[in-house]
N, C-alpha and C. Protein backbone atom coordinates (compact mmCIF):
# COMPACT_ATOMS: atom_id res chain seq x y z
N UNK A 1 126.19 112.91 87.77
CA UNK A 1 125.56 112.46 89.13
C UNK A 1 125.44 111.03 89.24
N UNK A 2 125.91 110.43 90.38
CA UNK A 2 125.58 109.00 90.26
C UNK A 2 124.67 108.38 90.19
N UNK A 3 124.22 107.32 89.52
CA UNK A 3 123.05 106.38 89.39
C UNK A 3 122.75 105.65 90.61
N UNK A 4 123.77 105.52 91.74
CA UNK A 4 123.66 104.67 92.77
C UNK A 4 123.02 105.66 93.94
N UNK A 5 122.78 106.85 93.76
CA UNK A 5 121.95 107.48 94.93
C UNK A 5 120.50 107.93 94.62
N UNK A 6 119.88 108.33 95.38
CA UNK A 6 118.41 108.65 95.15
C UNK A 6 118.37 109.78 93.98
N UNK A 7 118.99 110.84 94.25
CA UNK A 7 119.21 112.05 93.14
C UNK A 7 119.64 111.66 91.93
N UNK A 8 120.73 111.10 92.07
CA UNK A 8 121.00 110.45 90.83
C UNK A 8 120.09 109.50 89.86
N UNK A 9 119.18 108.57 90.73
CA UNK A 9 118.37 107.99 90.01
C UNK A 9 117.39 108.60 89.13
N UNK A 10 116.87 109.71 89.96
CA UNK A 10 115.78 110.40 89.53
C UNK A 10 116.15 111.52 88.24
N UNK A 11 117.41 111.85 88.37
CA UNK A 11 117.84 112.49 86.92
C UNK A 11 118.06 111.49 85.85
N UNK A 12 118.71 110.17 86.15
CA UNK A 12 118.46 109.05 85.13
C UNK A 12 117.32 108.96 84.37
N UNK A 13 116.08 108.77 85.41
CA UNK A 13 114.97 108.57 84.82
C UNK A 13 114.44 109.57 83.92
N UNK A 14 114.57 110.72 84.13
CA UNK A 14 114.24 111.86 83.43
C UNK A 14 114.97 111.84 82.23
N UNK A 15 116.38 111.68 82.11
CA UNK A 15 117.29 111.53 81.08
C UNK A 15 116.95 110.53 80.29
N UNK A 16 116.69 109.53 80.64
CA UNK A 16 116.58 108.07 79.87
C UNK A 16 115.06 108.27 79.01
N UNK A 17 114.16 109.31 79.90
CA UNK A 17 112.72 109.02 79.33
C UNK A 17 112.75 110.24 78.18
N UNK A 18 113.62 110.96 78.38
CA UNK A 18 113.38 112.36 77.45
C UNK A 18 111.98 112.88 77.67
N UNK A 19 111.70 113.21 78.60
CA UNK A 19 110.48 113.81 79.16
C UNK A 19 110.75 114.93 80.23
N UNK A 20 110.08 116.04 80.33
CA UNK A 20 110.27 116.94 81.15
C UNK A 20 108.90 117.13 81.90
N UNK A 21 108.10 116.32 81.79
CA UNK A 21 106.61 116.60 82.69
C UNK A 21 106.58 115.46 83.82
N UNK A 22 107.77 114.84 84.16
CA UNK A 22 107.56 113.69 85.13
C UNK A 22 108.03 113.99 86.51
N UNK A 23 108.65 115.21 86.72
CA UNK A 23 109.49 115.26 88.04
C UNK A 23 108.68 115.02 89.20
N UNK A 24 107.33 115.61 89.12
CA UNK A 24 106.71 115.50 90.40
C UNK A 24 105.96 113.95 90.68
N UNK A 25 106.42 113.07 89.61
CA UNK A 25 105.99 111.61 89.77
C UNK A 25 107.08 110.76 89.99
N UNK A 26 108.37 111.01 89.93
CA UNK A 26 109.25 110.31 90.25
C UNK A 26 109.42 109.38 91.24
N UNK A 27 108.97 109.95 92.36
CA UNK A 27 108.89 109.02 93.61
C UNK A 27 107.63 108.07 93.32
N UNK A 28 106.68 108.16 92.71
CA UNK A 28 105.91 107.14 92.55
C UNK A 28 106.17 105.87 91.83
N UNK A 29 106.93 106.38 90.39
CA UNK A 29 107.61 105.32 89.71
C UNK A 29 108.95 104.67 90.57
N UNK A 30 109.66 105.23 91.53
CA UNK A 30 110.64 104.46 92.13
C UNK A 30 110.03 103.44 92.83
N UNK A 31 108.78 103.90 93.70
CA UNK A 31 107.97 103.22 94.57
C UNK A 31 107.44 101.98 94.05
N UNK A 32 106.90 102.04 92.85
CA UNK A 32 106.36 100.97 92.14
C UNK A 32 107.55 100.03 91.64
N UNK A 33 108.53 100.59 91.30
CA UNK A 33 109.90 99.71 90.69
C UNK A 33 110.11 98.92 91.91
N UNK A 34 110.21 99.59 93.19
CA UNK A 34 110.89 98.76 94.55
C UNK A 34 109.62 97.60 94.49
N UNK A 35 108.38 98.12 94.78
CA UNK A 35 107.43 96.86 95.16
C UNK A 35 107.51 95.71 93.97
N UNK A 36 107.88 95.99 92.63
CA UNK A 36 107.82 94.93 92.01
C UNK A 36 109.08 94.18 92.03
N UNK A 37 110.27 94.90 92.35
CA UNK A 37 111.36 94.21 92.19
C UNK A 37 111.49 93.10 93.61
N UNK A 38 110.88 93.65 94.82
CA UNK A 38 110.83 92.72 95.68
C UNK A 38 110.05 91.31 95.39
N UNK A 39 109.26 91.17 94.65
CA UNK A 39 108.39 90.04 94.31
C UNK A 39 109.55 88.72 93.67
N UNK A 40 110.89 89.59 92.99
CA UNK A 40 111.74 88.52 92.40
C UNK A 40 113.07 88.57 92.74
N UNK A 41 113.46 89.59 93.25
CA UNK A 41 115.06 89.66 93.75
C UNK A 41 115.27 88.96 95.00
N UNK A 42 116.13 88.06 95.21
CA UNK A 42 116.79 87.64 96.13
C UNK A 42 118.25 87.28 96.34
N UNK A 43 118.80 88.48 96.80
CA UNK A 43 120.47 88.21 96.93
C UNK A 43 120.84 88.17 98.40
N UNK A 44 122.18 88.00 98.57
CA UNK A 44 122.73 87.85 99.97
C UNK A 44 122.44 89.08 100.94
N UNK A 45 122.53 90.13 100.07
CA UNK A 45 122.61 91.45 101.02
C UNK A 45 121.18 91.66 101.58
N UNK A 46 120.00 90.93 101.32
CA UNK A 46 118.64 90.86 102.02
C UNK A 46 118.49 89.99 102.86
N UNK A 47 119.42 89.04 103.02
CA UNK A 47 119.58 87.96 104.27
C UNK A 47 119.72 88.75 105.47
N UNK A 48 119.10 88.48 106.71
CA UNK A 48 119.24 88.65 108.14
C UNK A 48 118.66 87.51 108.85
N UNK A 49 119.29 87.50 110.05
CA UNK A 49 118.69 86.68 110.99
C UNK A 49 118.33 87.41 112.34
N UNK A 50 117.42 87.12 112.93
CA UNK A 50 116.90 87.34 114.17
C UNK A 50 116.34 86.19 114.92
N UNK A 51 116.28 86.58 116.37
CA UNK A 51 115.62 85.67 117.19
C UNK A 51 114.45 86.14 117.89
N UNK A 52 113.52 85.05 118.29
CA UNK A 52 112.24 85.54 119.09
C UNK A 52 112.22 84.35 120.03
N UNK A 53 111.36 84.78 121.33
CA UNK A 53 111.02 83.55 122.11
C UNK A 53 109.48 83.23 122.04
N UNK A 54 109.18 81.90 122.23
CA UNK A 54 108.02 81.22 121.98
C UNK A 54 106.99 81.75 123.28
N UNK A 55 105.96 82.10 123.19
CA UNK A 55 105.04 82.15 124.30
C UNK A 55 103.62 81.58 123.86
N UNK A 56 103.46 80.88 122.82
CA UNK A 56 102.44 80.09 122.21
C UNK A 56 102.54 79.60 121.06
N UNK A 57 101.47 79.12 120.38
CA UNK A 57 101.78 78.56 118.99
C UNK A 57 101.82 79.55 117.82
N UNK A 58 101.98 80.80 118.03
CA UNK A 58 102.15 81.76 117.21
C UNK A 58 103.34 82.96 117.60
N UNK A 59 103.90 83.58 116.41
CA UNK A 59 104.80 84.29 116.78
C UNK A 59 104.81 85.47 115.58
N UNK A 60 104.98 86.70 115.76
CA UNK A 60 104.94 87.65 114.63
C UNK A 60 105.92 87.42 113.72
N UNK A 61 105.87 87.83 112.22
CA UNK A 61 106.79 87.70 111.28
C UNK A 61 107.91 88.77 111.68
N UNK A 62 109.09 88.42 111.42
CA UNK A 62 110.25 89.36 111.73
C UNK A 62 110.05 90.68 110.62
N UNK A 63 110.68 91.60 111.14
CA UNK A 63 110.82 92.98 110.47
C UNK A 63 111.08 92.89 109.23
N UNK A 64 110.33 93.49 108.04
CA UNK A 64 110.53 93.31 106.65
C UNK A 64 110.61 91.98 106.09
N UNK A 65 110.00 90.98 106.58
CA UNK A 65 110.00 89.62 106.14
C UNK A 65 109.41 89.52 104.83
N UNK A 66 110.35 88.62 103.86
CA UNK A 66 109.68 88.61 102.56
C UNK A 66 109.74 86.98 102.40
N UNK A 67 110.60 86.38 102.80
CA UNK A 67 110.76 84.96 102.51
C UNK A 67 111.61 84.37 103.35
N UNK A 68 111.24 82.93 104.00
CA UNK A 68 111.90 82.33 105.13
C UNK A 68 112.98 81.47 104.21
N UNK A 69 114.29 81.33 104.88
CA UNK A 69 115.45 80.62 104.52
C UNK A 69 115.52 79.26 105.49
N UNK A 70 115.51 79.75 106.82
CA UNK A 70 115.81 78.48 107.74
C UNK A 70 115.14 79.04 109.20
N UNK A 71 114.65 77.99 109.77
CA UNK A 71 114.13 78.06 111.13
C UNK A 71 114.70 77.32 111.93
N UNK A 72 115.25 77.83 113.09
CA UNK A 72 116.05 76.91 113.98
C UNK A 72 115.52 77.10 115.49
N UNK A 73 115.13 75.79 116.09
CA UNK A 73 114.96 75.99 117.64
C UNK A 73 116.13 75.85 118.42
N UNK A 74 116.39 76.51 119.44
CA UNK A 74 117.37 76.48 120.56
C UNK A 74 117.05 76.21 121.64
N UNK A 75 117.44 75.04 122.20
CA UNK A 75 117.18 74.40 123.38
C UNK A 75 118.42 74.16 124.06
N UNK A 76 118.61 74.97 125.08
CA UNK A 76 120.03 74.32 125.86
C UNK A 76 121.03 75.20 124.89
N UNK A 77 121.91 74.20 124.50
CA UNK A 77 123.07 74.44 123.51
C UNK A 77 122.94 73.76 122.49
N UNK A 78 121.77 73.02 122.09
CA UNK A 78 121.48 72.43 121.01
C UNK A 78 120.35 73.20 119.88
N UNK A 79 120.93 73.11 118.75
CA UNK A 79 120.22 73.78 117.73
C UNK A 79 119.32 72.74 116.75
N UNK A 80 118.14 73.02 116.54
CA UNK A 80 117.20 72.07 115.77
C UNK A 80 116.66 72.59 114.88
N UNK A 81 117.00 72.12 113.47
CA UNK A 81 116.46 72.55 112.35
C UNK A 81 114.92 72.22 112.48
N UNK A 82 114.08 73.36 112.10
CA UNK A 82 112.63 73.13 112.04
C UNK A 82 112.16 72.68 110.55
N UNK A 83 111.40 71.94 110.51
CA UNK A 83 110.75 71.51 108.95
C UNK A 83 109.31 72.83 108.76
N UNK A 84 109.57 72.97 107.36
CA UNK A 84 108.39 73.91 106.91
C UNK A 84 106.99 73.33 106.25
N UNK A 85 105.98 73.64 106.18
CA UNK A 85 104.80 73.26 105.71
C UNK A 85 103.84 74.20 105.24
N UNK A 86 103.22 73.76 104.12
CA UNK A 86 102.16 74.68 103.76
C UNK A 86 101.07 74.86 104.93
N UNK A 87 100.21 75.99 104.86
CA UNK A 87 99.37 76.06 106.07
C UNK A 87 98.40 75.27 105.92
N UNK A 88 97.81 74.80 104.64
CA UNK A 88 96.96 73.56 104.74
C UNK A 88 97.29 72.26 105.05
N UNK A 89 98.57 71.94 104.77
CA UNK A 89 99.10 70.72 104.86
C UNK A 89 99.76 70.33 106.41
N UNK A 90 100.05 71.43 107.18
CA UNK A 90 100.43 71.01 108.36
C UNK A 90 99.28 70.55 109.46
N UNK A 91 100.08 69.33 110.17
CA UNK A 91 99.26 68.76 110.93
C UNK A 91 99.24 69.35 112.50
N UNK A 92 98.23 69.66 113.00
CA UNK A 92 98.51 70.38 114.44
C UNK A 92 97.96 69.52 115.43
N UNK A 93 99.11 69.27 116.34
CA UNK A 93 98.69 68.30 117.44
C UNK A 93 98.31 69.04 118.65
N UNK A 94 97.31 68.44 119.58
CA UNK A 94 96.67 68.80 120.71
C UNK A 94 97.84 68.86 121.85
N UNK A 95 98.78 68.05 121.64
CA UNK A 95 99.77 67.82 122.74
C UNK A 95 100.89 68.98 122.76
N UNK A 96 101.25 69.49 123.92
CA UNK A 96 102.41 70.40 123.89
C UNK A 96 103.59 69.62 124.10
N UNK A 97 104.70 70.44 123.61
CA UNK A 97 105.92 69.72 123.56
C UNK A 97 106.82 71.07 122.56
N UNK A 98 108.04 70.54 122.22
CA UNK A 98 108.91 70.97 121.28
C UNK A 98 108.46 71.15 119.85
N UNK A 99 108.06 72.39 119.33
CA UNK A 99 107.70 72.57 118.14
C UNK A 99 108.58 71.83 117.10
N UNK A 100 108.09 71.32 116.02
CA UNK A 100 109.20 70.69 115.04
C UNK A 100 108.88 71.11 113.61
N UNK A 101 107.62 71.55 113.42
CA UNK A 101 107.03 72.04 111.93
C UNK A 101 106.67 73.57 112.34
N UNK A 102 106.77 74.47 111.31
CA UNK A 102 106.32 75.64 111.05
C UNK A 102 105.70 75.99 109.82
N UNK A 103 104.68 76.80 109.83
CA UNK A 103 104.27 77.47 108.37
C UNK A 103 103.99 78.95 108.62
N UNK A 104 104.18 79.56 107.71
CA UNK A 104 103.91 81.06 107.50
C UNK A 104 102.93 81.67 106.77
N UNK A 105 101.93 82.40 107.23
CA UNK A 105 100.78 83.27 106.91
C UNK A 105 101.02 84.45 107.20
N UNK A 106 99.93 85.07 107.77
CA UNK A 106 100.41 86.46 108.14
C UNK A 106 101.34 86.39 109.58
N UNK A 107 101.58 85.21 109.92
CA UNK A 107 102.34 85.23 111.27
C UNK A 107 102.93 83.84 111.23
N UNK A 108 103.83 83.53 112.06
CA UNK A 108 104.30 82.06 112.16
C UNK A 108 103.70 81.20 113.14
N UNK A 109 103.28 80.15 112.58
CA UNK A 109 102.31 79.08 113.30
C UNK A 109 103.40 77.67 113.46
N UNK A 110 103.22 77.37 114.72
CA UNK A 110 103.79 76.03 115.20
C UNK A 110 102.93 74.74 115.22
N UNK A 111 103.44 73.45 115.00
CA UNK A 111 102.58 72.41 115.16
C UNK A 111 101.80 72.38 116.30
N UNK A 112 102.36 72.67 117.44
CA UNK A 112 102.03 72.35 118.79
C UNK A 112 102.28 73.56 119.73
N UNK A 113 101.82 73.43 120.67
CA UNK A 113 101.73 74.64 121.72
C UNK A 113 103.26 74.27 122.47
N UNK A 114 103.92 75.08 122.60
CA UNK A 114 105.38 74.76 123.14
C UNK A 114 105.37 74.69 124.72
N UNK A 115 105.89 73.62 125.16
CA UNK A 115 105.85 73.14 126.41
C UNK A 115 106.93 73.98 127.35
N UNK A 116 107.37 75.03 126.64
CA UNK A 116 108.55 75.92 127.57
C UNK A 116 108.99 77.04 126.51
N UNK A 117 109.42 78.08 126.97
CA UNK A 117 109.89 79.33 126.14
C UNK A 117 111.15 78.93 125.67
N UNK A 118 110.86 78.42 124.18
CA UNK A 118 112.16 78.25 123.45
C UNK A 118 112.41 79.49 122.56
N UNK A 119 113.76 79.53 122.26
CA UNK A 119 114.48 80.69 121.43
C UNK A 119 114.27 80.00 119.91
N UNK A 120 113.75 81.01 119.29
CA UNK A 120 113.67 80.58 117.64
C UNK A 120 114.50 81.56 117.00
N UNK A 121 115.32 80.88 116.10
CA UNK A 121 116.25 81.83 115.19
C UNK A 121 115.49 81.63 113.55
N UNK A 122 115.40 82.81 113.07
CA UNK A 122 114.98 83.09 111.83
C UNK A 122 116.06 83.44 110.85
N UNK A 123 116.39 82.93 109.72
CA UNK A 123 117.02 83.30 108.82
C UNK A 123 116.31 83.39 107.63
N UNK A 124 116.09 84.84 107.08
CA UNK A 124 115.03 85.15 106.22
C UNK A 124 115.37 86.10 105.12
N UNK A 125 114.80 86.48 103.81
CA UNK A 125 114.95 87.48 103.29
C UNK A 125 114.27 88.59 103.83
N UNK A 126 114.78 89.69 103.83
CA UNK A 126 114.23 90.94 104.22
C UNK A 126 114.12 92.31 103.19
N UNK A 127 113.05 92.73 103.10
CA UNK A 127 112.95 93.93 102.20
C UNK A 127 114.29 95.04 102.60
N UNK A 128 115.05 95.63 101.86
CA UNK A 128 115.80 96.62 102.01
C UNK A 128 115.12 97.96 102.36
N UNK A 129 115.76 98.88 103.03
CA UNK A 129 115.12 100.09 103.26
C UNK A 129 114.65 100.87 101.99
N UNK A 130 113.40 101.51 101.88
CA UNK A 130 113.20 102.21 100.47
C UNK A 130 113.99 103.21 100.27
N UNK A 131 114.51 103.67 99.18
CA UNK A 131 115.14 105.00 99.08
C UNK A 131 114.38 105.99 98.91
N UNK A 132 114.78 107.18 99.49
CA UNK A 132 114.16 108.39 99.54
C UNK A 132 115.13 109.35 99.70
N UNK A 133 114.82 110.65 99.80
CA UNK A 133 115.51 111.71 100.38
C UNK A 133 116.24 111.78 101.57
N UNK A 134 115.67 110.86 102.49
CA UNK A 134 116.55 110.82 103.65
C UNK A 134 117.17 109.48 103.86
N UNK A 135 116.76 108.44 102.77
CA UNK A 135 117.74 107.03 102.85
C UNK A 135 117.98 107.21 101.20
N UNK A 136 119.49 107.88 101.12
CA UNK A 136 119.72 108.06 99.52
C UNK A 136 120.21 106.58 98.75
N UNK A 137 120.27 105.81 99.48
CA UNK A 137 120.89 104.57 98.55
C UNK A 137 120.45 103.18 99.47
N UNK A 138 120.71 102.19 98.64
CA UNK A 138 120.40 100.92 99.70
C UNK A 138 121.45 99.67 98.96
N UNK A 139 121.56 98.47 99.22
CA UNK A 139 122.34 97.47 98.79
C UNK A 139 122.02 97.17 97.25
N UNK A 140 120.52 97.16 96.76
CA UNK A 140 120.22 96.95 95.66
C UNK A 140 120.90 98.09 94.49
N UNK A 141 120.30 99.18 94.85
CA UNK A 141 120.90 100.58 94.05
C UNK A 141 122.15 100.57 94.05
N UNK A 142 123.03 100.51 95.08
CA UNK A 142 124.29 100.20 94.98
C UNK A 142 124.95 99.28 94.00
N UNK A 143 124.63 98.06 94.20
CA UNK A 143 124.99 97.01 93.17
C UNK A 143 124.68 96.94 91.83
N UNK A 144 123.06 97.07 91.93
CA UNK A 144 122.56 96.85 90.41
C UNK A 144 121.51 98.11 90.27
N UNK A 145 122.12 99.05 90.07
CA UNK A 145 121.44 100.34 89.40
C UNK A 145 120.48 100.01 88.47
N UNK A 146 120.79 99.35 87.57
CA UNK A 146 119.67 99.17 86.32
C UNK A 146 118.68 98.59 86.62
N UNK A 147 118.31 97.86 87.82
CA UNK A 147 117.23 97.24 88.18
C UNK A 147 116.26 98.47 88.87
N UNK A 148 116.56 99.48 89.56
CA UNK A 148 115.88 100.53 89.60
C UNK A 148 115.72 101.35 88.47
N UNK A 149 116.64 101.62 87.49
CA UNK A 149 116.20 102.58 86.51
C UNK A 149 115.40 101.76 85.65
N UNK A 150 115.42 100.84 85.24
CA UNK A 150 114.54 99.85 84.22
C UNK A 150 113.30 99.95 84.74
N UNK A 151 113.15 99.38 86.17
CA UNK A 151 111.85 99.25 86.91
C UNK A 151 111.02 100.58 86.86
N UNK A 152 111.98 101.75 87.06
CA UNK A 152 111.00 103.11 87.26
C UNK A 152 110.68 103.44 85.96
N UNK A 153 111.47 103.25 84.71
CA UNK A 153 110.97 103.32 83.27
C UNK A 153 109.86 102.73 82.84
N UNK A 154 109.56 101.37 83.46
CA UNK A 154 108.58 100.47 83.30
C UNK A 154 107.36 101.25 83.80
N UNK A 155 107.58 101.84 85.06
CA UNK A 155 106.38 102.26 85.83
C UNK A 155 105.93 103.82 85.01
N UNK A 156 107.15 104.48 84.61
CA UNK A 156 106.80 105.86 83.80
C UNK A 156 105.80 105.56 82.65
N UNK A 157 106.04 104.60 81.88
CA UNK A 157 105.68 104.28 80.61
C UNK A 157 104.28 103.57 80.90
N UNK A 158 104.35 103.02 81.84
CA UNK A 158 102.90 102.40 82.33
C UNK A 158 101.88 103.63 82.63
N UNK A 159 102.44 104.65 83.32
CA UNK A 159 101.46 105.89 83.73
C UNK A 159 101.37 106.70 82.45
N UNK A 160 102.30 106.81 81.37
CA UNK A 160 102.00 107.22 80.04
C UNK A 160 101.18 106.68 79.20
N UNK A 161 100.76 105.39 79.45
CA UNK A 161 99.88 104.51 78.41
C UNK A 161 100.55 104.45 77.17
N UNK A 162 102.01 104.13 77.49
CA UNK A 162 102.76 103.69 76.28
C UNK A 162 103.22 102.07 76.59
N UNK A 163 102.30 101.24 76.19
CA UNK A 163 102.24 99.95 76.65
C UNK A 163 103.70 99.32 75.96
N UNK A 164 103.92 99.73 74.65
CA UNK A 164 105.16 99.16 73.92
C UNK A 164 106.44 99.50 74.65
N UNK A 165 106.51 100.50 75.14
CA UNK A 165 107.77 101.25 75.90
C UNK A 165 107.91 100.22 77.42
N UNK A 166 106.62 100.08 77.97
CA UNK A 166 106.51 99.71 79.23
C UNK A 166 106.82 98.34 79.07
N UNK A 167 106.53 97.43 78.19
CA UNK A 167 106.80 95.86 78.08
C UNK A 167 108.40 96.01 77.58
N UNK A 168 108.95 96.91 76.94
CA UNK A 168 110.38 96.82 76.71
C UNK A 168 111.14 96.72 77.94
N UNK A 169 110.85 97.88 78.66
CA UNK A 169 111.68 98.16 79.88
C UNK A 169 111.19 97.02 81.03
N UNK A 170 110.04 96.72 81.00
CA UNK A 170 109.81 95.68 81.91
C UNK A 170 110.70 94.14 81.46
N UNK A 171 110.84 93.78 80.28
CA UNK A 171 111.91 92.80 80.08
C UNK A 171 112.94 93.25 80.38
N UNK A 172 113.62 94.41 80.41
CA UNK A 172 115.14 94.77 80.75
C UNK A 172 115.19 94.71 82.04
N UNK A 173 114.14 95.32 82.92
CA UNK A 173 113.80 95.11 84.36
C UNK A 173 114.11 93.55 84.79
N UNK A 174 113.36 92.55 84.49
CA UNK A 174 113.43 91.39 84.75
C UNK A 174 114.80 90.59 84.29
N UNK A 175 115.34 90.98 83.20
CA UNK A 175 116.72 90.42 83.02
C UNK A 175 117.86 90.97 84.04
N UNK A 176 117.86 92.21 84.37
CA UNK A 176 118.68 92.66 85.30
C UNK A 176 118.22 92.18 86.66
N UNK A 177 117.22 92.02 87.10
CA UNK A 177 117.27 91.08 88.31
C UNK A 177 117.50 89.43 88.34
N UNK A 178 117.08 88.87 87.36
CA UNK A 178 117.72 87.44 86.98
C UNK A 178 119.02 87.57 86.97
N UNK A 179 119.58 88.43 86.55
CA UNK A 179 121.22 88.64 86.44
C UNK A 179 121.81 88.72 88.07
N UNK A 180 121.26 89.74 88.56
CA UNK A 180 121.56 89.79 89.90
C UNK A 180 121.38 88.81 90.93
N UNK A 181 120.27 87.84 90.53
CA UNK A 181 120.27 86.46 91.45
C UNK A 181 121.16 85.61 90.89
N UNK A 182 121.57 85.60 89.68
CA UNK A 182 122.65 84.51 89.18
C UNK A 182 123.80 84.80 89.70
N UNK A 183 124.34 86.16 89.86
CA UNK A 183 125.59 86.53 90.32
C UNK A 183 125.50 86.25 91.64
N UNK A 184 124.54 86.55 92.50
CA UNK A 184 124.68 86.26 93.80
C UNK A 184 124.62 84.83 94.34
N UNK A 185 124.08 84.02 93.38
CA UNK A 185 124.25 82.47 93.72
C UNK A 185 125.36 81.94 93.25
N UNK A 186 126.09 82.51 92.11
CA UNK A 186 127.35 81.96 91.93
C UNK A 186 128.54 82.42 93.00
N UNK A 187 128.06 83.62 93.53
CA UNK A 187 129.20 84.20 94.75
C UNK A 187 129.03 83.53 96.04
N UNK A 188 127.84 82.82 96.33
CA UNK A 188 127.57 82.01 97.36
C UNK A 188 128.28 80.80 97.38
N UNK A 189 128.77 80.08 96.36
CA UNK A 189 129.44 78.79 96.25
C UNK A 189 130.61 79.19 95.61
N UNK A 190 130.91 80.09 95.09
CA UNK A 190 132.58 80.17 94.87
C UNK A 190 132.82 79.64 93.57
N UNK A 191 134.17 79.64 93.13
CA UNK A 191 134.62 79.08 91.69
C UNK A 191 134.32 77.56 91.75
N UNK A 192 134.19 76.61 90.69
CA UNK A 192 134.38 75.53 90.68
C UNK A 192 135.75 75.01 91.03
N UNK A 193 135.75 73.66 91.63
CA UNK A 193 137.04 73.39 92.04
C UNK A 193 138.10 72.94 90.96
N UNK A 194 139.05 72.76 90.94
CA UNK A 194 139.60 72.52 89.73
C UNK A 194 139.73 70.91 89.61
N UNK A 195 139.94 70.54 88.25
CA UNK A 195 139.91 69.18 88.05
C UNK A 195 141.40 68.78 87.80
N UNK A 196 141.85 67.80 88.51
CA UNK A 196 143.32 67.24 88.27
C UNK A 196 143.22 65.74 87.39
N UNK A 197 143.80 65.45 86.51
CA UNK A 197 144.17 64.01 85.91
C UNK A 197 145.12 63.63 85.95
N UNK A 198 145.36 62.29 85.91
CA UNK A 198 146.59 61.87 85.87
C UNK A 198 147.71 62.23 84.98
N UNK A 199 149.02 61.99 85.24
CA UNK A 199 149.77 62.26 84.07
C UNK A 199 150.72 63.49 84.45
N UNK A 200 151.36 63.90 83.51
CA UNK A 200 152.29 65.25 83.93
C UNK A 200 151.37 66.48 83.84
N UNK A 201 151.48 67.52 84.87
CA UNK A 201 151.02 68.71 84.78
C UNK A 201 151.52 69.51 83.66
N UNK A 202 150.61 70.13 82.78
CA UNK A 202 151.06 70.56 81.64
C UNK A 202 151.98 72.09 82.00
């Protein structure tokens, strides 16, 4: 059975753990693995765009939001990149106008009240749909199944109070996440340009 599906992953967790007393808890282990991986993994498949229209200084976070990559304000046919700030570092002006700075808390906050209804474009990392009986795979499980497997085994051994095995699989889980991030970063830029030197080409 393929490891890149929900049922295949559950079968692999039981097989790798060599236990027959965990079937009723496999969904818990997978949920914990997903929660942990979303702290660390950032791949292109998780990037998405959406737009919203301002109606004041605040906007709700987009669906599935994990981390912002870029925010642009659209006015007419012009796009303006907005600057990001920490919540405590953003200066809020009492004058209305075109927002230039934003910060992220439990919502998106601008540095001023918009003087018009502006369209805001968000590019951000979104959590993929969790796998389940009704959603049997997602981009992370398809491309990097070892992340799910090692993360689930980490959660299993945490539950079993076998800290040495939990630590072992957490290390493999983090290594798999780091490898996925590196692979996607490399794919984003493509191969290095060829270097040419003077003289005859060998």
